[in-house]
Amino acid sequence: MKRLRRFVAGLAMGLVAAAIYQELQKPPEKRTWHGRVAGVVPYDFRFPTLERIRQAYWNPDEPRIFTDRVLGLGWAINFYSLLQVLGQLSAKLQIAIREGS
């Protein structure tokens, strides 16, 4: 288990370093400090705002459960979408239980 934690920590540090390197390769006026490492893993090193926090963690307009993180590297959980999906699964399960009885 300790090896796995070290591996994950090393991978995370490598991705952060890659994101910083990616930004530093741009001319200073084009640095946004947010984007995706290798076009896959999102990063955002800007100071978070309440609007970006809301968009990441409670956004009824976004159907995805996993959204870009507000600060740092990786993904956030859109709890609004998660609760919608769980509610739909619960309703389907209740119907299946009733039909099975």
N, C-alpha and C. Protein backbone atom coordinates (compact mmCIF):
# COMPACT_ATOMS: atom_id res chain seq x y z
N MET A 1 0.82 -1.19 0.00
CA MET A 1 0.00 0.00 0.00
C MET A 1 0.87 1.26 0.00
N LYS A 2 1.99 1.19 0.71
CA LYS A 2 2.89 2.33 0.77
C LYS A 2 3.48 2.64 -0.61
N ARG A 3 3.76 1.60 -1.37
CA ARG A 3 4.29 1.79 -2.72
C ARG A 3 3.27 2.48 -3.63
N LEU A 4 2.02 2.08 -3.48
CA LEU A 4 0.96 2.69 -4.28
C LEU A 4 0.82 4.17 -3.95
N ARG A 5 0.85 4.52 -2.67
CA ARG A 5 0.77 5.93 -2.27
C ARG A 5 1.94 6.73 -2.83
N ARG A 6 3.12 6.15 -2.79
CA ARG A 6 4.30 6.83 -3.34
C ARG A 6 4.16 7.01 -4.84
N PHE A 7 3.66 5.99 -5.51
CA PHE A 7 3.48 6.07 -6.96
C PHE A 7 2.47 7.16 -7.32
N VAL A 8 1.34 7.18 -6.63
CA VAL A 8 0.30 8.18 -6.90
C VAL A 8 0.83 9.59 -6.59
N ALA A 9 1.53 9.75 -5.49
CA ALA A 9 2.10 11.05 -5.14
C ALA A 9 3.12 11.48 -6.19
N GLY A 10 3.95 10.57 -6.64
CA GLY A 10 4.94 10.88 -7.67
C GLY A 10 4.28 11.25 -8.99
N LEU A 11 3.24 10.52 -9.33
CA LEU A 11 2.49 10.81 -10.56
C LEU A 11 1.86 12.20 -10.47
N ALA A 12 1.26 12.52 -9.34
CA ALA A 12 0.63 13.83 -9.15
C ALA A 12 1.67 14.95 -9.24
N MET A 13 2.80 14.76 -8.61
CA MET A 13 3.85 15.78 -8.65
C MET A 13 4.39 15.94 -10.07
N GLY A 14 4.50 14.84 -10.79
CA GLY A 14 4.94 14.90 -12.17
C GLY A 14 3.95 15.66 -13.05
N LEU A 15 2.67 15.44 -12.82
CA LEU A 15 1.64 16.15 -13.59
C LEU A 15 1.63 17.64 -13.27
N VAL A 16 1.82 17.99 -11.99
CA VAL A 16 1.90 19.41 -11.61
C VAL A 16 3.11 20.05 -12.29
N ALA A 17 4.24 19.36 -12.23
CA ALA A 17 5.45 19.88 -12.88
C ALA A 17 5.24 20.05 -14.38
N ALA A 18 4.55 19.09 -15.00
CA ALA A 18 4.28 19.18 -16.44
C ALA A 18 3.36 20.36 -16.75
N ALA A 19 2.38 20.59 -15.89
CA ALA A 19 1.46 21.73 -16.10
C ALA A 19 2.21 23.05 -15.98
N ILE A 20 3.06 23.17 -14.98
CA ILE A 20 3.84 24.40 -14.81
C ILE A 20 4.79 24.58 -15.99
N TYR A 21 5.45 23.52 -16.39
CA TYR A 21 6.35 23.59 -17.54
C TYR A 21 5.59 24.02 -18.80
N GLN A 22 4.41 23.45 -18.98
CA GLN A 22 3.57 23.78 -20.13
C GLN A 22 3.25 25.28 -20.15
N GLU A 23 2.93 25.85 -18.99
CA GLU A 23 2.63 27.29 -18.91
C GLU A 23 3.88 28.13 -19.14
N LEU A 24 5.01 27.70 -18.59
CA LEU A 24 6.24 28.47 -18.73
C LEU A 24 6.78 28.46 -20.15
N GLN A 25 6.36 27.49 -20.95
CA GLN A 25 6.79 27.45 -22.35
C GLN A 25 6.08 28.50 -23.20
N LYS A 26 4.98 29.03 -22.69
CA LYS A 26 4.23 30.07 -23.41
C LYS A 26 4.86 31.43 -23.13
N PRO A 27 4.70 32.37 -24.06
CA PRO A 27 5.14 33.74 -23.76
C PRO A 27 4.36 34.27 -22.56
N PRO A 28 4.95 35.12 -21.73
CA PRO A 28 4.28 35.59 -20.51
C PRO A 28 2.87 36.14 -20.74
N GLU A 29 2.64 36.82 -21.84
CA GLU A 29 1.32 37.40 -22.06
C GLU A 29 0.27 36.36 -22.46
N LYS A 30 0.69 35.14 -22.78
CA LYS A 30 -0.24 34.07 -23.17
C LYS A 30 -0.45 33.04 -22.07
N ARG A 31 0.18 33.20 -20.94
CA ARG A 31 0.04 32.25 -19.84
C ARG A 31 -1.31 32.46 -19.15
N THR A 32 -2.09 31.40 -19.10
CA THR A 32 -3.41 31.48 -18.46
C THR A 32 -3.43 30.76 -17.11
N TRP A 33 -2.49 29.87 -16.87
CA TRP A 33 -2.37 29.08 -15.66
C TRP A 33 -3.55 28.16 -15.43
N HIS A 34 -4.22 27.81 -16.52
CA HIS A 34 -5.23 26.75 -16.47
C HIS A 34 -5.28 26.11 -17.84
N GLY A 35 -5.59 24.82 -17.85
CA GLY A 35 -5.63 24.07 -19.10
C GLY A 35 -5.63 22.59 -18.81
N ARG A 36 -5.03 21.82 -19.70
CA ARG A 36 -4.97 20.36 -19.54
C ARG A 36 -3.57 19.86 -19.85
N VAL A 37 -3.06 19.00 -19.00
CA VAL A 37 -1.77 18.36 -19.24
C VAL A 37 -2.01 17.26 -20.27
N ALA A 38 -1.24 17.30 -21.34
CA ALA A 38 -1.35 16.32 -22.43
C ALA A 38 -2.78 16.26 -22.98
N GLY A 39 -3.52 17.34 -22.83
CA GLY A 39 -4.89 17.38 -23.34
C GLY A 39 -5.87 16.55 -22.56
N VAL A 40 -5.46 16.02 -21.38
CA VAL A 40 -6.33 15.10 -20.64
C VAL A 40 -6.61 15.58 -19.21
N VAL A 41 -5.59 15.77 -18.42
CA VAL A 41 -5.76 16.07 -16.99
C VAL A 41 -5.87 17.59 -16.80
N PRO A 42 -7.02 18.06 -16.27
CA PRO A 42 -7.18 19.50 -16.10
C PRO A 42 -6.36 20.04 -14.93
N TYR A 43 -5.91 21.29 -15.10
CA TYR A 43 -5.24 21.98 -14.00
C TYR A 43 -5.71 23.43 -13.99
N ASP A 44 -5.68 24.03 -12.81
CA ASP A 44 -6.03 25.44 -12.67
C ASP A 44 -5.27 25.98 -11.47
N PHE A 45 -4.34 26.90 -11.73
CA PHE A 45 -3.53 27.48 -10.67
C PHE A 45 -3.92 28.93 -10.38
N ARG A 46 -5.07 29.36 -10.91
CA ARG A 46 -5.55 30.72 -10.64
C ARG A 46 -6.25 30.74 -9.28
N PHE A 47 -6.35 31.94 -8.71
CA PHE A 47 -7.08 32.09 -7.45
C PHE A 47 -8.55 31.75 -7.70
N PRO A 48 -9.15 30.86 -6.90
CA PRO A 48 -10.54 30.46 -7.15
C PRO A 48 -11.52 31.60 -6.86
N THR A 49 -12.59 31.64 -7.64
CA THR A 49 -13.67 32.59 -7.39
C THR A 49 -14.91 31.81 -6.98
N LEU A 50 -15.85 32.49 -6.35
CA LEU A 50 -17.08 31.81 -5.94
C LEU A 50 -17.83 31.25 -7.14
N GLU A 51 -17.83 31.97 -8.24
CA GLU A 51 -18.52 31.50 -9.45
C GLU A 51 -17.88 30.22 -9.99
N ARG A 52 -16.57 30.15 -10.04
CA ARG A 52 -15.91 28.93 -10.52
C ARG A 52 -16.11 27.77 -9.56
N ILE A 53 -16.16 28.06 -8.26
CA ILE A 53 -16.44 27.00 -7.28
C ILE A 53 -17.84 26.45 -7.51
N ARG A 54 -18.80 27.34 -7.69
CA ARG A 54 -20.18 26.91 -7.92
C ARG A 54 -20.28 26.10 -9.23
N GLN A 55 -19.62 26.56 -10.28
CA GLN A 55 -19.68 25.84 -11.55
C GLN A 55 -19.06 24.45 -11.45
N ALA A 56 -18.08 24.30 -10.62
CA ALA A 56 -17.42 22.99 -10.48
C ALA A 56 -18.20 22.04 -9.58
N TYR A 57 -18.74 22.55 -8.46
CA TYR A 57 -19.31 21.66 -7.45
C TYR A 57 -20.83 21.63 -7.39
N TRP A 58 -21.52 22.63 -7.98
CA TRP A 58 -22.99 22.63 -7.97
C TRP A 58 -23.47 23.38 -9.20
N ASN A 59 -23.56 22.68 -10.34
CA ASN A 59 -23.90 23.31 -11.60
C ASN A 59 -25.04 22.56 -12.29
N PRO A 60 -26.28 23.05 -12.14
CA PRO A 60 -27.41 22.39 -12.79
C PRO A 60 -27.33 22.40 -14.32
N ASP A 61 -26.55 23.32 -14.89
CA ASP A 61 -26.44 23.41 -16.35
C ASP A 61 -25.41 22.45 -16.93
N GLU A 62 -24.66 21.76 -16.09
CA GLU A 62 -23.60 20.85 -16.54
C GLU A 62 -24.01 19.41 -16.26
N PRO A 63 -24.21 18.59 -17.30
CA PRO A 63 -24.64 17.21 -17.07
C PRO A 63 -23.52 16.28 -16.56
N ARG A 64 -22.26 16.69 -16.75
CA ARG A 64 -21.15 15.82 -16.32
C ARG A 64 -21.05 15.78 -14.79
N ILE A 65 -20.73 14.63 -14.26
CA ILE A 65 -20.49 14.50 -12.81
C ILE A 65 -19.09 14.98 -12.48
N PHE A 66 -18.11 14.65 -13.30
CA PHE A 66 -16.73 15.06 -13.07
C PHE A 66 -16.42 16.29 -13.91
N THR A 67 -16.15 17.41 -13.26
CA THR A 67 -15.84 18.66 -13.93
C THR A 67 -14.40 19.06 -13.60
N ASP A 68 -13.91 20.09 -14.26
CA ASP A 68 -12.55 20.54 -13.99
C ASP A 68 -12.46 21.12 -12.58
N ARG A 69 -11.39 20.82 -11.93
CA ARG A 69 -11.16 21.29 -10.56
C ARG A 69 -10.94 22.80 -10.54
N VAL A 70 -11.33 23.44 -9.45
CA VAL A 70 -11.23 24.89 -9.32
C VAL A 70 -9.80 25.32 -9.01
N LEU A 71 -9.09 24.56 -8.23
CA LEU A 71 -7.73 24.89 -7.86
C LEU A 71 -6.91 23.61 -7.79
N GLY A 72 -5.82 23.59 -8.52
CA GLY A 72 -4.95 22.43 -8.49
C GLY A 72 -5.09 21.58 -9.73
N LEU A 73 -4.96 20.29 -9.55
CA LEU A 73 -4.88 19.34 -10.64
C LEU A 73 -5.94 18.27 -10.48
N GLY A 74 -6.64 17.94 -11.55
CA GLY A 74 -7.60 16.85 -11.50
C GLY A 74 -9.04 17.32 -11.69
N TRP A 75 -9.95 16.54 -11.16
CA TRP A 75 -11.36 16.78 -11.39
C TRP A 75 -12.09 17.06 -10.09
N ALA A 76 -13.22 17.77 -10.22
CA ALA A 76 -14.12 18.04 -9.10
C ALA A 76 -15.39 17.20 -9.32
N ILE A 77 -16.22 17.11 -8.31
CA ILE A 77 -17.49 16.39 -8.43
C ILE A 77 -18.62 17.42 -8.45
N ASN A 78 -19.40 17.40 -9.53
CA ASN A 78 -20.59 18.24 -9.63
C ASN A 78 -21.70 17.51 -8.85
N PHE A 79 -21.91 17.90 -7.61
CA PHE A 79 -22.85 17.20 -6.75
C PHE A 79 -24.29 17.30 -7.24
N TYR A 80 -24.63 18.36 -7.95
CA TYR A 80 -25.98 18.47 -8.51
C TYR A 80 -26.22 17.32 -9.49
N SER A 81 -25.31 17.12 -10.43
CA SER A 81 -25.46 16.04 -11.41
C SER A 81 -25.41 14.67 -10.75
N LEU A 82 -24.52 14.54 -9.76
CA LEU A 82 -24.43 13.26 -9.04
C LEU A 82 -25.75 12.92 -8.36
N LEU A 83 -26.36 13.90 -7.69
CA LEU A 83 -27.64 13.66 -7.02
C LEU A 83 -28.75 13.35 -8.03
N GLN A 84 -28.72 13.98 -9.20
CA GLN A 84 -29.71 13.68 -10.23
C GLN A 84 -29.59 12.23 -10.68
N VAL A 85 -28.37 11.79 -10.92
CA VAL A 85 -28.14 10.41 -11.36
C VAL A 85 -28.55 9.42 -10.27
N LEU A 86 -28.17 9.72 -9.03
CA LEU A 86 -28.54 8.82 -7.93
C LEU A 86 -30.06 8.77 -7.75
N GLY A 87 -30.73 9.90 -7.91
CA GLY A 87 -32.19 9.93 -7.82
C GLY A 87 -32.83 9.09 -8.91
N GLN A 88 -32.31 9.17 -10.13
CA GLN A 88 -32.84 8.36 -11.22
C GLN A 88 -32.62 6.87 -10.96
N LEU A 89 -31.43 6.53 -10.46
CA LEU A 89 -31.14 5.12 -10.15
C LEU A 89 -32.06 4.62 -9.03
N SER A 90 -32.29 5.44 -8.03
CA SER A 90 -33.17 5.06 -6.93
C SER A 90 -34.59 4.82 -7.42
N ALA A 91 -35.08 5.70 -8.29
CA ALA A 91 -36.43 5.54 -8.84
C ALA A 91 -36.53 4.25 -9.64
N LYS A 92 -35.53 3.97 -10.46
CA LYS A 92 -35.54 2.74 -11.26
C LYS A 92 -35.48 1.50 -10.37
N LEU A 93 -34.69 1.59 -9.32
CA LEU A 93 -34.57 0.46 -8.39
C LEU A 93 -35.90 0.22 -7.67
N GLN A 94 -36.56 1.28 -7.26
CA GLN A 94 -37.86 1.14 -6.58
C GLN A 94 -38.89 0.51 -7.51
N ILE A 95 -38.89 0.92 -8.78
CA ILE A 95 -39.81 0.34 -9.76
C ILE A 95 -39.50 -1.14 -9.96
N ALA A 96 -38.25 -1.48 -10.07
CA ALA A 96 -37.85 -2.88 -10.27
C ALA A 96 -38.24 -3.73 -9.07
N ILE A 97 -38.10 -3.16 -7.88
CA ILE A 97 -38.47 -3.92 -6.67
C ILE A 97 -39.98 -4.14 -6.63
N ARG A 98 -40.75 -3.10 -6.97
CA ARG A 98 -42.21 -3.24 -6.98
C ARG A 98 -42.66 -4.27 -8.02
N GLU A 99 -42.04 -4.24 -9.18
CA GLU A 99 -42.43 -5.19 -10.24
C GLU A 99 -42.02 -6.62 -9.90
N GLY A 100 -40.97 -6.75 -9.10
CA GLY A 100 -40.49 -8.06 -8.71
C GLY A 100 -41.30 -8.69 -7.58
N SER A 101 -42.08 -7.88 -6.85
CA SER A 101 -42.84 -8.42 -5.72
C SER A 101 -44.11 -9.08 -6.14
